Amino acid sequence: MTYQFLTTRRDGPVEYITLNRPDVRNALNLELIAELTAWAAAIADAARQQQVRVAVLAGAGSAFCAGGDANWMASAIGYTEAENLRDAGTLAAMFSALDELPLPLVCRVHGAALGGGAGLAAVSDIVVAEDRTTFGFTEVKLGIVASTISPFVLAKIGRSAARELFLTGTRFPAARAREIGLIHAVESAPDVDARVETYVREILTGGPEAIAASKALIRQVWPKAPGDAASTTAALIAKRRVSPEGQEGLRAFLEKRKPSWSA
């Protein structure tokens, strides 16, 4: 598939995808949103066929993603509420598609991740940031709300941090982003790619079906009390133990060898 604002590269079971609007710091517009949604559908299909096992998202140029494109936001001024509802629904669908990918999404962040850019970090499973990256849920500074990204951000950082950062719109450094759980690792610029690849290699040692099931399990179990989740968790482990992948993994462990999927 050919994209205007994305570049992609496949290296064995790893897909590398880069936001490619460097002249506007990879700001989101309707075209980029549509392309990310289409890419998510394509890579999900490839993952189900076990053609790809992990994806790495990055941004070209000086910043990962500086939020919404100024021209896109300017056009929204003249929209009716119904037109804005359709617009917001498109953006929400993109975040949902990325959040629900049946494979790990590793995010490489640098420069700035603001507004929707911070939302992309929130829907990523693992996030590595350069130590000089600036984050922010800055929507209130424009008189609007971090609404479409809020379910994903709240799941990542919790209500307390969201109250501080959504209500002030303040920008914060990578160290603070790690402290609240928005990201997972902070590295100096020369070391970011090595940390990303460390995560990729670790992912490739796990069973791809088990990883997809684990990711889905997190969404299912997270809002439930342990007692309410018991039947779901018991059914899943029973299913995984008798699956071909589960059988192979258990046999490999007992036979002291690598499983068939291990890189």
C-alpha atoms as a PDB file:
ATOM      1  CA  MET A   1       0.000   0.000   0.000  1.00  0.00           C
ATOM      2  CA  THR A   2       1.238   3.488  -0.899  1.00  0.00           C
ATOM      3  CA  TYR A   3       0.826   6.402   1.507  1.00  0.00           C
ATOM      4  CA  GLN A   4       1.279  10.139   1.157  1.00  0.00           C
ATOM      5  CA  PHE A   5       2.125  10.950   4.775  1.00  0.00           C
ATOM      6  CA  LEU A   6       3.462   7.635   6.074  1.00  0.00           C
ATOM      7  CA  THR A   7       6.542   5.615   5.227  1.00  0.00           C
ATOM      8  CA  THR A   8       6.688   1.909   6.008  1.00  0.00           C
ATOM      9  CA  ARG A   9       9.412  -0.707   5.970  1.00  0.00           C
ATOM     10  CA  ARG A  10       9.172  -4.416   6.700  1.00  0.00           C
ATOM     11  CA  ASP A  11      12.197  -6.204   8.173  1.00  0.00           C
ATOM     12  CA  GLY A  12      11.245  -9.844   8.608  1.00  0.00           C
ATOM     13  CA  PRO A  13       8.487  -9.954  11.256  1.00  0.00           C
ATOM     14  CA  VAL A  14       8.952  -6.282  12.210  1.00  0.00           C
ATOM     15  CA  GLU A  15       7.033  -3.416  10.600  1.00  0.00           C
ATOM     16  CA  TYR A  16       8.503   0.088  10.878  1.00  0.00           C
ATOM     17  CA  ILE A  17       6.073   2.966  10.289  1.00  0.00           C
ATOM     18  CA  THR A  18       7.003   6.640  10.300  1.00  0.00           C
ATOM     19  CA  LEU A  19       4.792   9.724  10.351  1.00  0.00           C
ATOM     20  CA  ASN A  20       6.111  11.716   7.421  1.00  0.00           C
ATOM     21  CA  ARG A  21       4.963  15.350   7.577  1.00  0.00           C
ATOM     22  CA  PRO A  22       8.200  16.789   8.962  1.00  0.00           C
ATOM     23  CA  ASP A  23       7.505  20.318   7.694  1.00  0.00           C
ATOM     24  CA  VAL A  24       4.606  20.579  10.188  1.00  0.00           C
ATOM     25  CA  ARG A  25       6.182  18.375  12.885  1.00  0.00           C
ATOM     26  CA  ASN A  26       3.970  15.460  11.819  1.00  0.00           C
ATOM     27  CA  ALA A  27       0.789  17.202  12.888  1.00  0.00           C
ATOM     28  CA  LEU A  28      -2.379  15.192  12.390  1.00  0.00           C
ATOM     29  CA  ASN A  29      -4.749  16.117   9.581  1.00  0.00           C
ATOM     30  CA  LEU A  30      -7.632  14.203   8.029  1.00  0.00           C
ATOM     31  CA  GLU A  31      -5.394  12.592   5.420  1.00  0.00           C
ATOM     32  CA  LEU A  32      -2.840  11.347   7.948  1.00  0.00           C
ATOM     33  CA  ILE A  33      -5.627  10.090  10.205  1.00  0.00           C
ATOM     34  CA  ALA A  34      -7.142   8.162   7.298  1.00  0.00           C
ATOM     35  CA  GLU A  35      -3.767   6.685   6.382  1.00  0.00           C
ATOM     36  CA  LEU A  36      -3.041   5.573   9.960  1.00  0.00           C
ATOM     37  CA  THR A  37      -6.476   3.953  10.129  1.00  0.00           C
ATOM     38  CA  ALA A  38      -5.908   2.137   6.841  1.00  0.00           C
ATOM     39  CA  TRP A  39      -2.437   1.038   7.937  1.00  0.00           C
ATOM     40  CA  ALA A  40      -3.850  -0.307  11.204  1.00  0.00           C
ATOM     41  CA  ALA A  41      -6.369  -2.436   9.290  1.00  0.00           C
ATOM     42  CA  ALA A  42      -3.665  -3.770   6.952  1.00  0.00           C
ATOM     43  CA  ILE A  43      -1.166  -4.569   9.689  1.00  0.00           C
ATOM     44  CA  ALA A  44      -3.841  -6.219  11.838  1.00  0.00           C
ATOM     45  CA  ASP A  45      -4.627  -8.536   8.927  1.00  0.00           C
ATOM     46  CA  ALA A  46      -0.908  -9.250   8.435  1.00  0.00           C
ATOM     47  CA  ALA A  47      -0.564  -9.989  12.151  1.00  0.00           C
ATOM     48  CA  ARG A  48      -3.443 -12.466  12.087  1.00  0.00           C
ATOM     49  CA  GLN A  49      -1.648 -14.249   9.228  1.00  0.00           C
ATOM     50  CA  GLN A  50       1.578 -14.129  11.318  1.00  0.00           C
ATOM     51  CA  GLN A  51       3.372 -12.182   8.590  1.00  0.00           C
ATOM     52  CA  VAL A  52       4.332  -9.497  11.109  1.00  0.00           C
ATOM     53  CA  ARG A  53       4.731  -9.754  14.895  1.00  0.00           C
ATOM     54  CA  VAL A  54       5.582  -6.248  16.105  1.00  0.00           C
ATOM     55  CA  ALA A  55       5.279  -2.692  14.763  1.00  0.00           C
ATOM     56  CA  VAL A  56       7.466   0.317  15.561  1.00  0.00           C
ATOM     57  CA  LEU A  57       5.956   3.805  15.193  1.00  0.00           C
ATOM     58  CA  ALA A  58       8.173   6.903  14.864  1.00  0.00           C
ATOM     59  CA  GLY A  59       8.115  10.412  13.409  1.00  0.00           C
ATOM     60  CA  ALA A  60      10.303  12.028  10.755  1.00  0.00           C
ATOM     61  CA  GLY A  61      12.106  15.333  11.303  1.00  0.00           C
ATOM     62  CA  SER A  62      12.353  17.356  14.488  1.00  0.00           C
ATOM     63  CA  ALA A  63       9.331  15.997  16.385  1.00  0.00           C
ATOM     64  CA  PHE A  64       7.277  12.860  16.776  1.00  0.00           C
ATOM     65  CA  CYS A  65       3.867  14.553  16.517  1.00  0.00           C
ATOM     66  CA  ALA A  66       2.927  18.088  17.524  1.00  0.00           C
ATOM     67  CA  GLY A  67      -0.817  17.446  17.738  1.00  0.00           C
ATOM     68  CA  GLY A  68      -3.490  18.731  15.371  1.00  0.00           C
ATOM     69  CA  ASP A  69      -2.616  20.428  12.105  1.00  0.00           C
ATOM     70  CA  ALA A  70      -3.290  24.186  12.186  1.00  0.00           C
ATOM     71  CA  ASN A  71      -5.090  24.180   8.833  1.00  0.00           C
ATOM     72  CA  TRP A  72      -7.293  21.281   9.917  1.00  0.00           C
ATOM     73  CA  MET A  73      -8.220  23.067  13.142  1.00  0.00           C
ATOM     74  CA  ALA A  74      -8.871  26.312  11.240  1.00  0.00           C
ATOM     75  CA  SER A  75     -11.341  24.549   8.948  1.00  0.00           C
ATOM     76  CA  ALA A  76     -13.153  23.141  11.996  1.00  0.00           C
ATOM     77  CA  ILE A  77     -14.015  26.668  13.126  1.00  0.00           C
ATOM     78  CA  GLY A  78     -16.602  26.813  10.367  1.00  0.00           C
ATOM     79  CA  TYR A  79     -18.001  23.313  10.949  1.00  0.00           C
ATOM     80  CA  THR A  80     -21.420  22.701  12.403  1.00  0.00           C
ATOM     81  CA  GLU A  81     -21.649  20.592  15.546  1.00  0.00           C
ATOM     82  CA  ALA A  82     -22.735  17.631  13.402  1.00  0.00           C
ATOM     83  CA  GLU A  83     -19.719  18.075  11.122  1.00  0.00           C
ATOM     84  CA  ASN A  84     -17.431  18.295  14.142  1.00  0.00           C
ATOM     85  CA  LEU A  85     -19.018  15.133  15.520  1.00  0.00           C
ATOM     86  CA  ARG A  86     -18.203  13.284  12.298  1.00  0.00           C
ATOM     87  CA  ASP A  87     -14.651  14.687  12.356  1.00  0.00           C
ATOM     88  CA  ALA A  88     -14.086  13.633  15.961  1.00  0.00           C
ATOM     89  CA  GLY A  89     -15.525  10.199  15.272  1.00  0.00           C
ATOM     90  CA  THR A  90     -12.941   9.676  12.539  1.00  0.00           C
ATOM     91  CA  LEU A  91     -10.133  10.571  14.945  1.00  0.00           C
ATOM     92  CA  ALA A  92     -11.541   8.354  17.698  1.00  0.00           C
ATOM     93  CA  ALA A  93     -11.779   5.443  15.260  1.00  0.00           C
ATOM     94  CA  MET A  94      -8.096   5.841  14.390  1.00  0.00           C
ATOM     95  CA  PHE A  95      -7.026   5.712  18.033  1.00  0.00           C
ATOM     96  CA  SER A  96      -9.245   2.684  18.642  1.00  0.00           C
ATOM     97  CA  ALA A  97      -7.802   0.876  15.619  1.00  0.00           C
ATOM     98  CA  LEU A  98      -4.264   1.432  16.879  1.00  0.00           C
ATOM     99  CA  ASP A  99      -5.163   0.531  20.456  1.00  0.00           C
ATOM    100  CA  GLU A 100      -6.752  -2.758  19.376  1.00  0.00           C
ATOM    101  CA  LEU A 101      -3.974  -3.979  17.085  1.00  0.00           C
ATOM    102  CA  PRO A 102      -3.431  -7.714  17.674  1.00  0.00           C
ATOM    103  CA  LEU A 103       0.324  -7.210  17.956  1.00  0.00           C
ATOM    104  CA  PRO A 104       2.585  -4.991  20.083  1.00  0.00           C
ATOM    105  CA  LEU A 105       2.963  -1.376  18.970  1.00  0.00           C
ATOM    106  CA  VAL A 106       6.289   0.105  20.097  1.00  0.00           C
ATOM    107  CA  CYS A 107       6.513   3.889  19.869  1.00  0.00           C
ATOM    108  CA  ARG A 108       9.740   5.852  19.394  1.00  0.00           C
ATOM    109  CA  VAL A 109       9.161   9.437  20.535  1.00  0.00           C
ATOM    110  CA  HIS A 110      11.394  12.489  20.149  1.00  0.00           C
ATOM    111  CA  GLY A 111      11.094  16.268  20.065  1.00  0.00           C
ATOM    112  CA  ALA A 112       7.445  16.729  20.985  1.00  0.00           C
ATOM    113  CA  ALA A 113       4.347  14.626  21.564  1.00  0.00           C
ATOM    114  CA  LEU A 114       1.501  17.057  22.122  1.00  0.00           C
ATOM    115  CA  GLY A 115      -2.263  16.603  22.050  1.00  0.00           C
ATOM    116  CA  GLY A 116      -2.943  13.832  19.569  1.00  0.00           C
ATOM    117  CA  GLY A 117       0.773  13.036  19.554  1.00  0.00           C
ATOM    118  CA  ALA A 118       0.558  12.236  23.263  1.00  0.00           C
ATOM    119  CA  GLY A 119      -2.540  10.239  22.377  1.00  0.00           C
ATOM    120  CA  LEU A 120      -0.480   8.118  20.005  1.00  0.00           C
ATOM    121  CA  ALA A 121       1.895   7.396  22.873  1.00  0.00           C
ATOM    122  CA  ALA A 122      -1.093   6.430  25.025  1.00  0.00           C
ATOM    123  CA  VAL A 123      -2.358   3.816  22.537  1.00  0.00           C
ATOM    124  CA  SER A 124       1.117   2.334  22.081  1.00  0.00           C
ATOM    125  CA  ASP A 125       2.000  -0.695  24.160  1.00  0.00           C
ATOM    126  CA  ILE A 126       5.608   0.284  24.801  1.00  0.00           C
ATOM    127  CA  VAL A 127       7.004   3.817  24.452  1.00  0.00           C
ATOM    128  CA  VAL A 128      10.655   4.861  24.360  1.00  0.00           C
ATOM    129  CA  ALA A 129      11.365   8.593  24.402  1.00  0.00           C
ATOM    130  CA  GLU A 130      14.414  10.761  23.932  1.00  0.00           C
ATOM    131  CA  ASP A 131      15.229  12.530  27.173  1.00  0.00           C
ATOM    132  CA  ARG A 132      14.576  15.979  25.675  1.00  0.00           C
ATOM    133  CA  THR A 133      11.064  15.173  24.452  1.00  0.00           C
ATOM    134  CA  THR A 134       8.234  17.473  25.550  1.00  0.00           C
ATOM    135  CA  PHE A 135       4.767  16.064  26.205  1.00  0.00           C
ATOM    136  CA  GLY A 136       1.476  17.810  26.805  1.00  0.00           C
ATOM    137  CA  PHE A 137      -2.305  17.519  26.760  1.00  0.00           C
ATOM    138  CA  THR A 138      -2.550  21.127  25.672  1.00  0.00           C
ATOM    139  CA  GLU A 139      -6.112  21.229  24.339  1.00  0.00           C
ATOM    140  CA  VAL A 140      -7.485  23.488  27.095  1.00  0.00           C
ATOM    141  CA  LYS A 141      -5.055  26.193  25.977  1.00  0.00           C
ATOM    142  CA  LEU A 142      -7.169  26.342  22.801  1.00  0.00           C
ATOM    143  CA  GLY A 143     -10.469  26.250  24.641  1.00  0.00           C
ATOM    144  CA  ILE A 144     -11.141  22.648  23.674  1.00  0.00           C
ATOM    145  CA  VAL A 145     -10.790  19.290  25.446  1.00  0.00           C
ATOM    146  CA  ALA A 146      -8.521  16.233  25.210  1.00  0.00           C
ATOM    147  CA  SER A 147     -11.668  14.254  24.562  1.00  0.00           C
ATOM    148  CA  THR A 148     -11.063  11.590  21.907  1.00  0.00           C
ATOM    149  CA  ILE A 149      -7.768  10.529  23.460  1.00  0.00           C
ATOM    150  CA  SER A 150      -9.081  10.559  27.047  1.00  0.00           C
ATOM    151  CA  PRO A 151     -10.108   6.856  27.342  1.00  0.00           C
ATOM    152  CA  PHE A 152      -6.650   5.740  26.264  1.00  0.00           C
ATOM    153  CA  VAL A 153      -4.768   8.328  28.310  1.00  0.00           C
ATOM    154  CA  LEU A 154      -6.774   7.618  31.466  1.00  0.00           C
ATOM    155  CA  ALA A 155      -6.066   3.907  31.046  1.00  0.00           C
ATOM    156  CA  LYS A 156      -2.351   4.743  30.891  1.00  0.00           C
ATOM    157  CA  ILE A 157      -1.874   7.485  33.502  1.00  0.00           C
ATOM    158  CA  GLY A 158      -4.930   7.330  35.783  1.00  0.00           C
ATOM    159  CA  ARG A 159      -7.304   9.990  37.050  1.00  0.00           C
ATOM    160  CA  SER A 160      -4.934  11.873  39.342  1.00  0.00           C
ATOM    161  CA  ALA A 161      -2.318  12.669  36.708  1.00  0.00           C
ATOM    162  CA  ALA A 162      -5.047  13.406  34.161  1.00  0.00           C
ATOM    163  CA  ARG A 163      -6.631  15.936  36.495  1.00  0.00           C
ATOM    164  CA  GLU A 164      -3.362  17.803  36.752  1.00  0.00           C
ATOM    165  CA  LEU A 165      -2.349  17.615  33.101  1.00  0.00           C
ATOM    166  CA  PHE A 166      -5.724  17.887  31.334  1.00  0.00           C
ATOM    167  CA  LEU A 167      -6.831  20.845  33.441  1.00  0.00           C
ATOM    168  CA  THR A 168      -3.604  22.850  33.273  1.00  0.00           C
ATOM    169  CA  GLY A 169      -2.570  21.931  29.731  1.00  0.00           C
ATOM    170  CA  THR A 170       1.006  22.243  30.970  1.00  0.00           C
ATOM    171  CA  ARG A 171       3.864  20.741  29.014  1.00  0.00           C
ATOM    172  CA  PHE A 172       6.030  18.216  30.819  1.00  0.00           C
ATOM    173  CA  PRO A 173       9.335  16.425  30.221  1.00  0.00           C
ATOM    174  CA  ALA A 174      10.031  12.802  29.397  1.00  0.00           C
ATOM    175  CA  ALA A 175      10.995  12.038  32.996  1.00  0.00           C
ATOM    176  CA  ARG A 176       7.523  13.104  34.166  1.00  0.00           C
ATOM    177  CA  ALA A 177       5.884  11.117  31.343  1.00  0.00           C
ATOM    178  CA  ARG A 178       7.689   8.023  32.577  1.00  0.00           C
ATOM    179  CA  GLU A 179       6.778   8.744  36.183  1.00  0.00           C
ATOM    180  CA  ILE A 180       3.049   8.725  35.378  1.00  0.00           C
ATOM    181  CA  GLY A 181       3.236   5.692  33.085  1.00  0.00           C
ATOM    182  CA  LEU A 182       2.624   7.391  29.745  1.00  0.00           C
ATOM    183  CA  ILE A 183       5.978   6.094  28.523  1.00  0.00           C
ATOM    184  CA  HIS A 184       8.236   3.286  29.663  1.00  0.00           C
ATOM    185  CA  ALA A 185      11.844   4.244  28.943  1.00  0.00           C
ATOM    186  CA  VAL A 186      13.839   7.471  28.590  1.00  0.00           C
ATOM    187  CA  GLU A 187      17.138   7.502  26.735  1.00  0.00           C
ATOM    188  CA  SER A 188      19.597  10.023  25.350  1.00  0.00           C
ATOM    189  CA  ALA A 189      19.251  10.490  21.599  1.00  0.00           C
ATOM    190  CA  PRO A 190      22.078   8.107  20.605  1.00  0.00           C
ATOM    191  CA  ASP A 191      20.588   5.288  22.690  1.00  0.00           C
ATOM    192  CA  VAL A 192      16.899   5.453  21.783  1.00  0.00           C
ATOM    193  CA  ASP A 193      17.026   3.109  18.802  1.00  0.00           C
ATOM    194  CA  ALA A 194      19.014   0.508  20.738  1.00  0.00           C
ATOM    195  CA  ARG A 195      16.385   0.500  23.505  1.00  0.00           C
ATOM    196  CA  VAL A 196      13.602   0.159  20.925  1.00  0.00           C
ATOM    197  CA  GLU A 197      15.375  -2.812  19.341  1.00  0.00           C
ATOM    198  CA  THR A 198      15.860  -4.405  22.760  1.00  0.00           C
ATOM    199  CA  TYR A 199      12.094  -4.354  23.243  1.00  0.00           C
ATOM    200  CA  VAL A 200      11.554  -5.707  19.716  1.00  0.00           C
ATOM    201  CA  ARG A 201      13.932  -8.615  20.296  1.00  0.00           C
ATOM    202  CA  GLU A 202      12.249  -9.440  23.586  1.00  0.00           C
ATOM    203  CA  ILE A 203       8.812  -9.438  21.952  1.00  0.00           C
ATOM    204  CA  LEU A 204      10.016 -11.846  19.268  1.00  0.00           C
ATOM    205  CA  THR A 205      10.847 -14.456  21.916  1.00  0.00           C
ATOM    206  CA  GLY A 206       7.168 -14.677  22.930  1.00  0.00           C
ATOM    207  CA  GLY A 207       4.436 -16.654  21.217  1.00  0.00           C
ATOM    208  CA  PRO A 208       2.660 -14.294  18.785  1.00  0.00           C
ATOM    209  CA  GLU A 209      -0.793 -15.710  19.527  1.00  0.00           C
ATOM    210  CA  ALA A 210      -0.135 -15.550  23.260  1.00  0.00           C
ATOM    211  CA  ILE A 211       0.976 -11.919  22.974  1.00  0.00           C
ATOM    212  CA  ALA A 212      -2.171 -11.006  21.021  1.00  0.00           C
ATOM    213  CA  ALA A 213      -4.301 -12.816  23.608  1.00  0.00           C
ATOM    214  CA  SER A 214      -2.474 -11.057  26.449  1.00  0.00           C
ATOM    215  CA  LYS A 215      -3.092  -7.657  24.872  1.00  0.00           C
ATOM    216  CA  ALA A 216      -6.798  -8.416  24.471  1.00  0.00           C
ATOM    217  CA  LEU A 217      -6.909  -9.744  28.044  1.00  0.00           C
ATOM    218  CA  ILE A 218      -5.648  -6.455  29.443  1.00  0.00           C
ATOM    219  CA  ARG A 219      -8.575  -4.612  27.849  1.00  0.00           C
ATOM    220  CA  GLN A 220     -11.063  -7.197  29.131  1.00  0.00           C
ATOM    221  CA  VAL A 221      -9.804  -7.527  32.696  1.00  0.00           C
ATOM    222  CA  TRP A 222      -8.587  -4.027  33.548  1.00  0.00           C
ATOM    223  CA  PRO A 223     -11.968  -2.554  34.640  1.00  0.00           C
ATOM    224  CA  LYS A 224     -13.143  -5.717  36.441  1.00  0.00           C
ATOM    225  CA  ALA A 225     -12.826  -6.875  40.018  1.00  0.00           C
ATOM    226  CA  PRO A 226     -10.780 -10.106  40.390  1.00  0.00           C
ATOM    227  CA  GLY A 227     -13.873 -12.170  41.155  1.00  0.00           C
ATOM    228  CA  ASP A 228     -15.689 -10.860  38.091  1.00  0.00           C
ATOM    229  CA  ALA A 229     -12.684 -11.663  35.888  1.00  0.00           C
ATOM    230  CA  ALA A 230     -12.119 -15.186  37.192  1.00  0.00           C
ATOM    231  CA  SER A 231     -14.179 -17.020  34.588  1.00  0.00           C
ATOM    232  CA  THR A 232     -12.590 -15.039  31.747  1.00  0.00           C
ATOM    233  CA  THR A 233      -9.042 -15.652  32.930  1.00  0.00           C
ATOM    234  CA  ALA A 234      -9.593 -19.347  33.662  1.00  0.00           C
ATOM    235  CA  ALA A 235     -11.143 -19.917  30.229  1.00  0.00           C
ATOM    236  CA  LEU A 236      -8.283 -18.145  28.488  1.00  0.00           C
ATOM    237  CA  ILE A 237      -5.463 -20.064  30.164  1.00  0.00           C
ATOM    238  CA  ALA A 238      -7.266 -23.356  29.537  1.00  0.00           C
ATOM    239  CA  LYS A 239      -7.664 -22.463  25.861  1.00  0.00           C
ATOM    240  CA  ARG A 240      -4.040 -21.391  25.531  1.00  0.00           C
ATOM    241  CA  ARG A 241      -2.678 -24.544  27.194  1.00  0.00           C
ATOM    242  CA  VAL A 242      -4.350 -26.811  24.636  1.00  0.00           C
ATOM    243  CA  SER A 243      -3.594 -24.571  21.635  1.00  0.00           C
ATOM    244  CA  PRO A 244      -0.811 -25.659  19.227  1.00  0.00           C
ATOM    245  CA  GLU A 245       1.270 -22.648  20.265  1.00  0.00           C
ATOM    246  CA  GLY A 246       0.761 -23.342  23.960  1.00  0.00           C
ATOM    247  CA  GLN A 247       1.626 -27.012  23.507  1.00  0.00           C
ATOM    248  CA  GLU A 248       4.782 -26.089  21.599  1.00  0.00           C
ATOM    249  CA  GLY A 249       5.834 -23.584  24.247  1.00  0.00           C
ATOM    250  CA  LEU A 250       5.321 -25.978  27.136  1.00  0.00           C
ATOM    251  CA  ARG A 251       7.136 -28.811  25.335  1.00  0.00           C
ATOM    252  CA  ALA A 252      10.030 -26.502  24.441  1.00  0.00           C
ATOM    253  CA  PHE A 253      10.344 -25.483  28.095  1.00  0.00           C
ATOM    254  CA  LEU A 254      10.362 -29.093  29.303  1.00  0.00           C
ATOM    255  CA  GLU A 255      12.788 -30.141  26.559  1.00  0.00           C
ATOM    256  CA  LYS A 256      15.071 -27.171  27.325  1.00  0.00           C
ATOM    257  CA  ARG A 257      14.991 -25.784  23.765  1.00  0.00           C
ATOM    258  CA  LYS A 258      13.756 -22.651  22.062  1.00  0.00           C
ATOM    259  CA  PRO A 259      10.162 -22.726  20.833  1.00  0.00           C
ATOM    260  CA  SER A 260       9.551 -22.673  17.083  1.00  0.00           C
ATOM    261  CA  TRP A 261       8.596 -18.966  17.022  1.00  0.00           C
ATOM    262  CA  SER A 262      11.580 -17.662  18.989  1.00  0.00           C
ATOM    263  CA  ALA A 263      13.891 -15.267  17.111  1.00  0.00           C
END
